[in-house]
C-alpha atoms as a PDB file:
ATOM      1  CA  UNK A   1      10.641  -1.592 -23.536  1.00  0.00           C
ATOM      2  CA  UNK A   2       8.624   1.410 -22.430  1.00  0.00           C
ATOM      3  CA  UNK A   3      10.174   2.963 -19.309  1.00  0.00           C
ATOM      4  CA  UNK A   4       9.424   5.923 -17.317  1.00  0.00           C
ATOM      5  CA  UNK A   5      12.033   8.756 -16.512  1.00  0.00           C
ATOM      6  CA  UNK A   6      13.555   9.450 -13.107  1.00  0.00           C
ATOM      7  CA  UNK A   7      12.195   6.778 -11.019  1.00  0.00           C
ATOM      8  CA  UNK A   8      13.000   6.692  -7.245  1.00  0.00           C
ATOM      9  CA  UNK A   9      15.662   3.585  -6.761  1.00  0.00           C
ATOM     10  CA  UNK A  10      14.033   0.174  -7.763  1.00  0.00           C
ATOM     11  CA  UNK A  11      11.073   2.175  -8.546  1.00  0.00           C
ATOM     12  CA  UNK A  12       9.660   2.087  -5.121  1.00  0.00           C
ATOM     13  CA  UNK A  13       6.526   4.088  -3.735  1.00  0.00           C
ATOM     14  CA  UNK A  14       6.939   6.598  -1.185  1.00  0.00           C
ATOM     15  CA  UNK A  15       4.437   8.405   1.140  1.00  0.00           C
ATOM     16  CA  UNK A  16       4.125   9.505   4.771  1.00  0.00           C
ATOM     17  CA  UNK A  17       1.442   8.466   7.142  1.00  0.00           C
ATOM     18  CA  UNK A  18       0.320   9.376  10.382  1.00  0.00           C
ATOM     19  CA  UNK A  19      -1.930   6.849  11.976  1.00  0.00           C
ATOM     20  CA  UNK A  20      -5.692   7.309  12.287  1.00  0.00           C
ATOM     21  CA  UNK A  21      -6.556   8.030  16.216  1.00  0.00           C
ATOM     22  CA  UNK A  22      -9.946   6.923  15.583  1.00  0.00           C
ATOM     23  CA  UNK A  23     -11.031   4.236  17.798  1.00  0.00           C
ATOM     24  CA  UNK A  24     -12.514   1.007  16.370  1.00  0.00           C
ATOM     25  CA  UNK A  25     -15.150  -1.630  17.570  1.00  0.00           C
ATOM     26  CA  UNK A  26     -12.346  -3.412  19.434  1.00  0.00           C
ATOM     27  CA  UNK A  27     -11.132  -0.478  21.339  1.00  0.00           C
ATOM     28  CA  UNK A  28      -7.688  -0.195  19.049  1.00  0.00           C
ATOM     29  CA  UNK A  29      -7.043   3.200  17.213  1.00  0.00           C
ATOM     30  CA  UNK A  30      -5.868   2.967  13.914  1.00  0.00           C
ATOM     31  CA  UNK A  31      -6.094   2.320  10.189  1.00  0.00           C
ATOM     32  CA  UNK A  32      -7.772  -0.044   7.596  1.00  0.00           C
ATOM     33  CA  UNK A  33      -6.617  -3.764   7.721  1.00  0.00           C
ATOM     34  CA  UNK A  34      -5.584  -4.971   4.311  1.00  0.00           C
ATOM     35  CA  UNK A  35      -3.435  -6.840   1.877  1.00  0.00           C
ATOM     36  CA  UNK A  36      -1.744  -6.269  -1.153  1.00  0.00           C
ATOM     37  CA  UNK A  37      -1.498  -8.942  -4.031  1.00  0.00           C
ATOM     38  CA  UNK A  38       1.951  -8.425  -5.650  1.00  0.00           C
ATOM     39  CA  UNK A  39       3.600  -5.545  -3.612  1.00  0.00           C
ATOM     40  CA  UNK A  40       5.790  -5.882  -0.606  1.00  0.00           C
ATOM     41  CA  UNK A  41       5.383  -2.769   1.659  1.00  0.00           C
ATOM     42  CA  UNK A  42       8.063  -1.319   4.216  1.00  0.00           C
ATOM     43  CA  UNK A  43       7.409   0.913   7.202  1.00  0.00           C
ATOM     44  CA  UNK A  44      10.306   3.178   8.365  1.00  0.00           C
ATOM     45  CA  UNK A  45       9.236   4.705  11.807  1.00  0.00           C
ATOM     46  CA  UNK A  46      10.097   8.476  12.047  1.00  0.00           C
ATOM     47  CA  UNK A  47       8.220   9.401  15.123  1.00  0.00           C
ATOM     48  CA  UNK A  48       5.859   8.151  17.804  1.00  0.00           C
ATOM     49  CA  UNK A  49       4.903   4.681  18.664  1.00  0.00           C
ATOM     50  CA  UNK A  50       2.457   1.850  17.655  1.00  0.00           C
ATOM     51  CA  UNK A  51       2.192  -1.422  16.116  1.00  0.00           C
ATOM     52  CA  UNK A  52       1.264  -3.511  12.978  1.00  0.00           C
ATOM     53  CA  UNK A  53      -0.877  -6.205  13.555  1.00  0.00           C
ATOM     54  CA  UNK A  54      -0.778  -8.866  10.904  1.00  0.00           C
ATOM     55  CA  UNK A  55      -2.363 -12.000   9.850  1.00  0.00           C
ATOM     56  CA  UNK A  56      -0.161 -14.726   7.684  1.00  0.00           C
ATOM     57  CA  UNK A  57      -0.049 -18.526   7.341  1.00  0.00           C
ATOM     58  CA  UNK A  58       1.862 -17.793  10.790  1.00  0.00           C
ATOM     59  CA  UNK A  59      -1.451 -16.710  12.382  1.00  0.00           C
ATOM     60  CA  UNK A  60      -1.624 -13.430  14.203  1.00  0.00           C
ATOM     61  CA  UNK A  61       1.124 -10.883  15.241  1.00  0.00           C
ATOM     62  CA  UNK A  62       1.532  -7.779  16.550  1.00  0.00           C
ATOM     63  CA  UNK A  63       4.921  -6.085  15.789  1.00  0.00           C
ATOM     64  CA  UNK A  64       5.786  -3.154  17.652  1.00  0.00           C
ATOM     65  CA  UNK A  65       6.716   0.184  16.077  1.00  0.00           C
ATOM     66  CA  UNK A  66       8.950   3.043  17.360  1.00  0.00           C
ATOM     67  CA  UNK A  67      11.347   5.744  16.050  1.00  0.00           C
ATOM     68  CA  UNK A  68      13.993   3.962  14.100  1.00  0.00           C
ATOM     69  CA  UNK A  69      12.390   0.647  13.494  1.00  0.00           C
ATOM     70  CA  UNK A  70      11.488  -0.843  10.321  1.00  0.00           C
ATOM     71  CA  UNK A  71       8.906  -3.526   9.424  1.00  0.00           C
ATOM     72  CA  UNK A  72       7.913  -5.014   6.215  1.00  0.00           C
ATOM     73  CA  UNK A  73       5.452  -7.442   4.630  1.00  0.00           C
ATOM     74  CA  UNK A  74       5.229  -9.416   1.771  1.00  0.00           C
ATOM     75  CA  UNK A  75       2.282  -9.998  -0.520  1.00  0.00           C
ATOM     76  CA  UNK A  76      -0.670 -11.704   0.730  1.00  0.00           C
ATOM     77  CA  UNK A  77      -0.149 -10.424   4.347  1.00  0.00           C
ATOM     78  CA  UNK A  78      -3.081  -8.603   6.041  1.00  0.00           C
ATOM     79  CA  UNK A  79      -1.800  -5.764   8.035  1.00  0.00           C
ATOM     80  CA  UNK A  80      -3.431  -2.891  10.330  1.00  0.00           C
ATOM     81  CA  UNK A  81      -1.667  -0.109  11.590  1.00  0.00           C
ATOM     82  CA  UNK A  82      -2.198   0.562  15.246  1.00  0.00           C
ATOM     83  CA  UNK A  83      -1.772   4.126  16.816  1.00  0.00           C
ATOM     84  CA  UNK A  84      -0.064   4.331  19.989  1.00  0.00           C
ATOM     85  CA  UNK A  85       0.763   7.905  20.209  1.00  0.00           C
ATOM     86  CA  UNK A  86       2.055  10.394  17.237  1.00  0.00           C
ATOM     87  CA  UNK A  87       2.910   7.344  15.320  1.00  0.00           C
ATOM     88  CA  UNK A  88       4.382   8.858  11.917  1.00  0.00           C
ATOM     89  CA  UNK A  89       5.911   6.599   9.408  1.00  0.00           C
ATOM     90  CA  UNK A  90       7.602   6.608   6.007  1.00  0.00           C
ATOM     91  CA  UNK A  91       6.300   3.924   3.499  1.00  0.00           C
ATOM     92  CA  UNK A  92       8.147   2.425   0.557  1.00  0.00           C
ATOM     93  CA  UNK A  93       6.335   0.468  -1.600  1.00  0.00           C
ATOM     94  CA  UNK A  94       7.215  -1.979  -4.346  1.00  0.00           C
ATOM     95  CA  UNK A  95       6.628  -1.892  -7.989  1.00  0.00           C
ATOM     96  CA  UNK A  96       5.901   1.377  -9.426  1.00  0.00           C
ATOM     97  CA  UNK A  97       2.740   2.501  -8.150  1.00  0.00           C
ATOM     98  CA  UNK A  98       0.614  -0.773  -8.012  1.00  0.00           C
ATOM     99  CA  UNK A  99      -1.064  -0.041  -5.089  1.00  0.00           C
ATOM    100  CA  UNK A 100      -2.233   3.296  -6.594  1.00  0.00           C
ATOM    101  CA  UNK A 101      -3.721   1.067  -9.388  1.00  0.00           C
ATOM    102  CA  UNK A 102      -5.755  -0.981  -7.311  1.00  0.00           C
ATOM    103  CA  UNK A 103      -3.266  -3.619  -5.723  1.00  0.00           C
ATOM    104  CA  UNK A 104      -4.956  -3.093  -1.998  1.00  0.00           C
ATOM    105  CA  UNK A 105      -8.044  -4.976  -0.870  1.00  0.00           C
ATOM    106  CA  UNK A 106      -9.848  -4.137   2.500  1.00  0.00           C
ATOM    107  CA  UNK A 107     -10.802  -6.856   4.541  1.00  0.00           C
ATOM    108  CA  UNK A 108     -14.574  -6.454   4.223  1.00  0.00           C
ATOM    109  CA  UNK A 109     -16.909  -9.012   5.085  1.00  0.00           C
ATOM    110  CA  UNK A 110     -17.460 -11.914   2.174  1.00  0.00           C
ATOM    111  CA  UNK A 111     -20.697 -10.583   0.988  1.00  0.00           C
ATOM    112  CA  UNK A 112     -18.853  -7.262  -0.051  1.00  0.00           C
ATOM    113  CA  UNK A 113     -15.844  -9.346  -1.494  1.00  0.00           C
ATOM    114  CA  UNK A 114     -18.211 -11.538  -3.598  1.00  0.00           C
ATOM    115  CA  UNK A 115     -19.931  -8.287  -5.432  1.00  0.00           C
ATOM    116  CA  UNK A 116     -17.407  -5.761  -7.190  1.00  0.00           C
ATOM    117  CA  UNK A 117     -20.025  -3.139  -7.298  1.00  0.00           C
ATOM    118  CA  UNK A 118     -20.687  -3.445  -3.537  1.00  0.00           C
ATOM    119  CA  UNK A 119     -17.310  -3.663  -2.616  1.00  0.00           C
ATOM    120  CA  UNK A 120     -16.201  -0.478  -4.815  1.00  0.00           C
ATOM    121  CA  UNK A 121     -19.012   1.424  -3.153  1.00  0.00           C
ATOM    122  CA  UNK A 122     -17.920   0.689   0.341  1.00  0.00           C
ATOM    123  CA  UNK A 123     -14.296   1.537  -0.475  1.00  0.00           C
ATOM    124  CA  UNK A 124     -14.819   4.929  -2.405  1.00  0.00           C
ATOM    125  CA  UNK A 125     -14.777   8.256  -0.817  1.00  0.00           C
ATOM    126  CA  UNK A 126     -16.880  10.930  -1.825  1.00  0.00           C
ATOM    127  CA  UNK A 127     -14.034  13.487  -2.310  1.00  0.00           C
ATOM    128  CA  UNK A 128     -10.600  14.058  -1.287  1.00  0.00           C
ATOM    129  CA  UNK A 129     -10.976  15.796   1.982  1.00  0.00           C
ATOM    130  CA  UNK A 130     -13.777  17.415   4.258  1.00  0.00           C
ATOM    131  CA  UNK A 131     -16.153  16.083   6.843  1.00  0.00           C
ATOM    132  CA  UNK A 132     -18.139  13.869   4.476  1.00  0.00           C
ATOM    133  CA  UNK A 133     -14.862  12.210   3.137  1.00  0.00           C
ATOM    134  CA  UNK A 134     -13.388  11.758   6.547  1.00  0.00           C
ATOM    135  CA  UNK A 135     -16.802   9.913   7.706  1.00  0.00           C
ATOM    136  CA  UNK A 136     -16.674   7.415   4.617  1.00  0.00           C
ATOM    137  CA  UNK A 137     -13.061   6.599   5.318  1.00  0.00           C
ATOM    138  CA  UNK A 138     -13.949   5.892   9.149  1.00  0.00           C
ATOM    139  CA  UNK A 139     -17.023   4.029   8.006  1.00  0.00           C
ATOM    140  CA  UNK A 140     -14.775   1.738   5.491  1.00  0.00           C
ATOM    141  CA  UNK A 141     -12.063   1.408   8.218  1.00  0.00           C
ATOM    142  CA  UNK A 142     -15.024   0.031  10.563  1.00  0.00           C
ATOM    143  CA  UNK A 143     -16.199  -2.086   7.805  1.00  0.00           C
ATOM    144  CA  UNK A 144     -12.608  -3.517   7.364  1.00  0.00           C
ATOM    145  CA  UNK A 145     -12.178  -4.043  10.828  1.00  0.00           C
ATOM    146  CA  UNK A 146     -15.102  -5.980  11.280  1.00  0.00           C
ATOM    147  CA  UNK A 147     -14.246  -8.548   8.561  1.00  0.00           C
ATOM    148  CA  UNK A 148     -10.710  -8.667   9.991  1.00  0.00           C
ATOM    149  CA  UNK A 149     -11.754  -9.625  13.486  1.00  0.00           C
ATOM    150  CA  UNK A 150     -13.468 -12.631  12.276  1.00  0.00           C
ATOM    151  CA  UNK A 151     -10.316 -13.264  10.180  1.00  0.00           C
ATOM    152  CA  UNK A 152      -8.133 -13.214  13.382  1.00  0.00           C
ATOM    153  CA  UNK A 153     -10.428 -15.012  15.674  1.00  0.00           C
ATOM    154  CA  UNK A 154     -10.407 -17.935  13.342  1.00  0.00           C
ATOM    155  CA  UNK A 155      -6.414 -17.986  12.797  1.00  0.00           C
ATOM    156  CA  UNK A 156      -6.339 -17.735  16.463  1.00  0.00           C
ATOM    157  CA  UNK A 157      -8.262 -21.114  17.165  1.00  0.00           C
ATOM    158  CA  UNK A 158      -6.222 -22.627  14.340  1.00  0.00           C
ATOM    159  CA  UNK A 159      -8.680 -22.382  11.543  1.00  0.00           C
ATOM    160  CA  UNK A 160      -6.940 -20.704   8.455  1.00  0.00           C
ATOM    161  CA  UNK A 161      -9.817 -21.255   6.059  1.00  0.00           C
ATOM    162  CA  UNK A 162     -11.420 -17.900   6.351  1.00  0.00           C
ATOM    163  CA  UNK A 163      -7.993 -16.096   6.014  1.00  0.00           C
ATOM    164  CA  UNK A 164      -7.489 -18.269   2.735  1.00  0.00           C
ATOM    165  CA  UNK A 165     -10.774 -17.799   1.286  1.00  0.00           C
ATOM    166  CA  UNK A 166     -10.274 -13.809   1.798  1.00  0.00           C
ATOM    167  CA  UNK A 167      -6.910 -14.146  -0.156  1.00  0.00           C
ATOM    168  CA  UNK A 168      -8.881 -16.175  -2.755  1.00  0.00           C
ATOM    169  CA  UNK A 169     -11.590 -13.678  -3.029  1.00  0.00           C
ATOM    170  CA  UNK A 170      -9.223 -10.799  -3.252  1.00  0.00           C
ATOM    171  CA  UNK A 171      -7.391 -12.434  -6.038  1.00  0.00           C
ATOM    172  CA  UNK A 172     -10.990 -12.763  -7.961  1.00  0.00           C
ATOM    173  CA  UNK A 173     -11.452  -9.081  -7.216  1.00  0.00           C
ATOM    174  CA  UNK A 174      -8.605  -7.673  -8.606  1.00  0.00           C
ATOM    175  CA  UNK A 175      -8.016  -9.893 -11.577  1.00  0.00           C
ATOM    176  CA  UNK A 176      -9.176  -7.366 -14.136  1.00  0.00           C
ATOM    177  CA  UNK A 177      -6.602  -4.797 -13.338  1.00  0.00           C
ATOM    178  CA  UNK A 178      -3.759  -7.109 -14.145  1.00  0.00           C
ATOM    179  CA  UNK A 179      -3.082  -6.011 -17.785  1.00  0.00           C
ATOM    180  CA  UNK A 180      -2.726  -2.445 -16.582  1.00  0.00           C
ATOM    181  CA  UNK A 181      -0.669  -3.611 -13.665  1.00  0.00           C
ATOM    182  CA  UNK A 182       1.760  -5.403 -16.124  1.00  0.00           C
ATOM    183  CA  UNK A 183       2.375  -2.591 -18.026  1.00  0.00           C
ATOM    184  CA  UNK A 184       3.027  -0.329 -15.240  1.00  0.00           C
ATOM    185  CA  UNK A 185       5.471  -2.785 -13.768  1.00  0.00           C
ATOM    186  CA  UNK A 186       7.167  -3.232 -17.179  1.00  0.00           C
ATOM    187  CA  UNK A 187       7.284   0.619 -17.416  1.00  0.00           C
ATOM    188  CA  UNK A 188       8.779   1.225 -13.987  1.00  0.00           C
ATOM    189  CA  UNK A 189      10.222  -1.495 -11.674  1.00  0.00           C
ATOM    190  CA  UNK A 190      11.247  -3.913 -14.385  1.00  0.00           C
ATOM    191  CA  UNK A 191      12.868  -1.021 -16.916  1.00  0.00           C
ATOM    192  CA  UNK A 192      14.581   0.159 -13.757  1.00  0.00           C
ATOM    193  CA  UNK A 193      16.198  -3.380 -13.229  1.00  0.00           C
ATOM    194  CA  UNK A 194      16.754  -3.682 -16.806  1.00  0.00           C
ATOM    195  CA  UNK A 195      18.900  -0.162 -16.540  1.00  0.00           C
ATOM    196  CA  UNK A 196      21.178  -1.785 -14.080  1.00  0.00           C
ATOM    197  CA  UNK A 197      21.614  -4.811 -16.387  1.00  0.00           C
ATOM    198  CA  UNK A 198      22.559  -2.620 -19.215  1.00  0.00           C
ATOM    199  CA  UNK A 199      24.983  -0.338 -16.780  1.00  0.00           C
ATOM    200  CA  UNK A 200      26.656  -3.828 -15.661  1.00  0.00           C
ATOM    201  CA  UNK A 201      26.899  -4.906 -19.311  1.00  0.00           C
ATOM    202  CA  UNK A 202      28.721  -1.536 -20.096  1.00  0.00           C
ATOM    203  CA  UNK A 203      31.196  -1.506 -17.047  1.00  0.00           C
ATOM    204  CA  UNK A 204      32.106  -5.281 -17.804  1.00  0.00           C
ATOM    205  CA  UNK A 205      32.823  -4.210 -21.463  1.00  0.00           C
ATOM    206  CA  UNK A 206      35.058  -1.113 -20.080  1.00  0.00           C
ATOM    207  CA  UNK A 207      32.520   1.375 -21.430  1.00  0.00           C
ATOM    208  CA  UNK A 208      31.382   3.720 -18.919  1.00  0.00           C
ATOM    209  CA  UNK A 209      30.105   6.494 -21.254  1.00  0.00           C
ATOM    210  CA  UNK A 210      26.998   6.165 -19.949  1.00  0.00           C
ATOM    211  CA  UNK A 211      27.980   7.826 -16.458  1.00  0.00           C
ATOM    212  CA  UNK A 212      28.623  11.039 -18.552  1.00  0.00           C
ATOM    213  CA  UNK A 213      25.129  11.189 -20.419  1.00  0.00           C
ATOM    214  CA  UNK A 214      23.079   9.832 -17.734  1.00  0.00           C
ATOM    215  CA  UNK A 215      24.198  11.680 -14.235  1.00  0.00           C
ATOM    216  CA  UNK A 216      21.751  13.950 -12.878  1.00  0.00           C
ATOM    217  CA  UNK A 217      19.931  15.114  -9.924  1.00  0.00           C
ATOM    218  CA  UNK A 218      16.101  15.555  -9.137  1.00  0.00           C
ATOM    219  CA  UNK A 219      14.018  16.833  -6.565  1.00  0.00           C
ATOM    220  CA  UNK A 220      10.374  16.614  -5.371  1.00  0.00           C
ATOM    221  CA  UNK A 221       7.854  17.891  -2.518  1.00  0.00           C
ATOM    222  CA  UNK A 222       4.726  16.274  -1.695  1.00  0.00           C
ATOM    223  CA  UNK A 223       1.876  16.618  -4.072  1.00  0.00           C
ATOM    224  CA  UNK A 224      -0.863  15.999  -1.676  1.00  0.00           C
ATOM    225  CA  UNK A 225      -0.797  16.561   2.109  1.00  0.00           C
ATOM    226  CA  UNK A 226      -3.202  14.779   4.563  1.00  0.00           C
ATOM    227  CA  UNK A 227      -4.894  12.575   2.228  1.00  0.00           C
ATOM    228  CA  UNK A 228      -7.248   9.894   3.437  1.00  0.00           C
ATOM    229  CA  UNK A 229      -5.345   6.666   2.983  1.00  0.00           C
ATOM    230  CA  UNK A 230      -6.135   3.055   4.228  1.00  0.00           C
ATOM    231  CA  UNK A 231      -4.037   3.407   7.452  1.00  0.00           C
ATOM    232  CA  UNK A 232      -3.970   7.306   8.208  1.00  0.00           C
ATOM    233  CA  UNK A 233      -3.702  10.440   6.900  1.00  0.00           C
ATOM    234  CA  UNK A 234      -1.287  10.128   3.743  1.00  0.00           C
ATOM    235  CA  UNK A 235       1.354  12.913   2.528  1.00  0.00           C
ATOM    236  CA  UNK A 236       1.652  11.649  -1.044  1.00  0.00           C
ATOM    237  CA  UNK A 237       4.438  12.124  -3.821  1.00  0.00           C
ATOM    238  CA  UNK A 238       3.159  11.618  -7.799  1.00  0.00           C
ATOM    239  CA  UNK A 239       6.443  10.605  -9.382  1.00  0.00           C
ATOM    240  CA  UNK A 240       7.102   9.147 -12.809  1.00  0.00           C
ATOM    241  CA  UNK A 241       7.978   5.727 -12.514  1.00  0.00           C
ATOM    242  CA  UNK A 242       7.146   5.165  -8.701  1.00  0.00           C
ATOM    243  CA  UNK A 243       3.682   6.318  -7.489  1.00  0.00           C
ATOM    244  CA  UNK A 244       2.067   7.234 -10.553  1.00  0.00           C
ATOM    245  CA  UNK A 245      -1.150   9.574 -11.157  1.00  0.00           C
ATOM    246  CA  UNK A 246      -4.426   7.921 -11.356  1.00  0.00           C
ATOM    247  CA  UNK A 247      -7.793   9.160 -11.739  1.00  0.00           C
ATOM    248  CA  UNK A 248      -9.734  10.354  -8.715  1.00  0.00           C
ATOM    249  CA  UNK A 249     -12.338   7.557  -8.888  1.00  0.00           C
ATOM    250  CA  UNK A 250      -9.645   4.829  -8.764  1.00  0.00           C
ATOM    251  CA  UNK A 251      -7.374   6.417  -6.227  1.00  0.00           C
ATOM    252  CA  UNK A 252     -10.056   7.197  -3.901  1.00  0.00           C
ATOM    253  CA  UNK A 253     -11.586   3.575  -3.644  1.00  0.00           C
ATOM    254  CA  UNK A 254      -8.248   1.745  -3.930  1.00  0.00           C
ATOM    255  CA  UNK A 255      -5.262   3.797  -2.714  1.00  0.00           C
ATOM    256  CA  UNK A 256      -3.278   2.059   0.147  1.00  0.00           C
ATOM    257  CA  UNK A 257      -1.271   3.851   2.989  1.00  0.00           C
ATOM    258  CA  UNK A 258       1.145   2.751   1.393  1.00  0.00           C
ATOM    259  CA  UNK A 259       1.041   2.719  -1.587  1.00  0.00           C
ATOM    260  CA  UNK A 260       1.302   2.706  -2.415  1.00  0.00           C
ATOM    261  CA  UNK A 261      -0.395   2.683   2.177  1.00  0.00           C
ATOM    262  CA  UNK A 262       0.296   0.400   2.506  1.00  0.00           C
END
């Protein structure tokens, strides 16, 4: 099995987020609602306060966030980070940088989800930074909120149909990416788990020699500060086996706040 060197524990992805303070149509300041198809995402709150709004089979929920709290959500959960004042979060993302490879779908209205080219155009940013990029990020946030509010209203009325159809549309949209995702998973998260299995086998056999050859310390700093993510301004780490470098066109159209941000 091909594996990538020196992943973070479990080959998780890592980023830091400052939630957007842009006000949306419903008067709430925050990020772009979206879901992940195969990645669980965790928020570790390091400062400020706010909330994460979620849509799931259990309906609509708002989970408060404040320094020291942790929240996480599984694939299929629509989530929206809400700014309450100085909200700052460390995001841990499952599966070897899959969000950077497209495992994140905005809650755009159905007509966008039905047309991959139209979806990609609405999700893309013209550059990594600058006024035009910020305007595009705000525009896609507003479009995602537009679709999200429809899903939320239906769930609150007891109708899960639009939410379930959004999940199906998201799955259709990302299906062509699955072979690439599978290779990243094999080389990252799966390879990390397999290494643990090999170490357990060695310990059980009384052969701990791998400790002498495998012990090491690594370090890194952010490779990009203040990127325009889905939920907010994102400090990113491109680390082999975790958050992997991807072409700008892919990153700008599909990157989570997560992902990887979510």
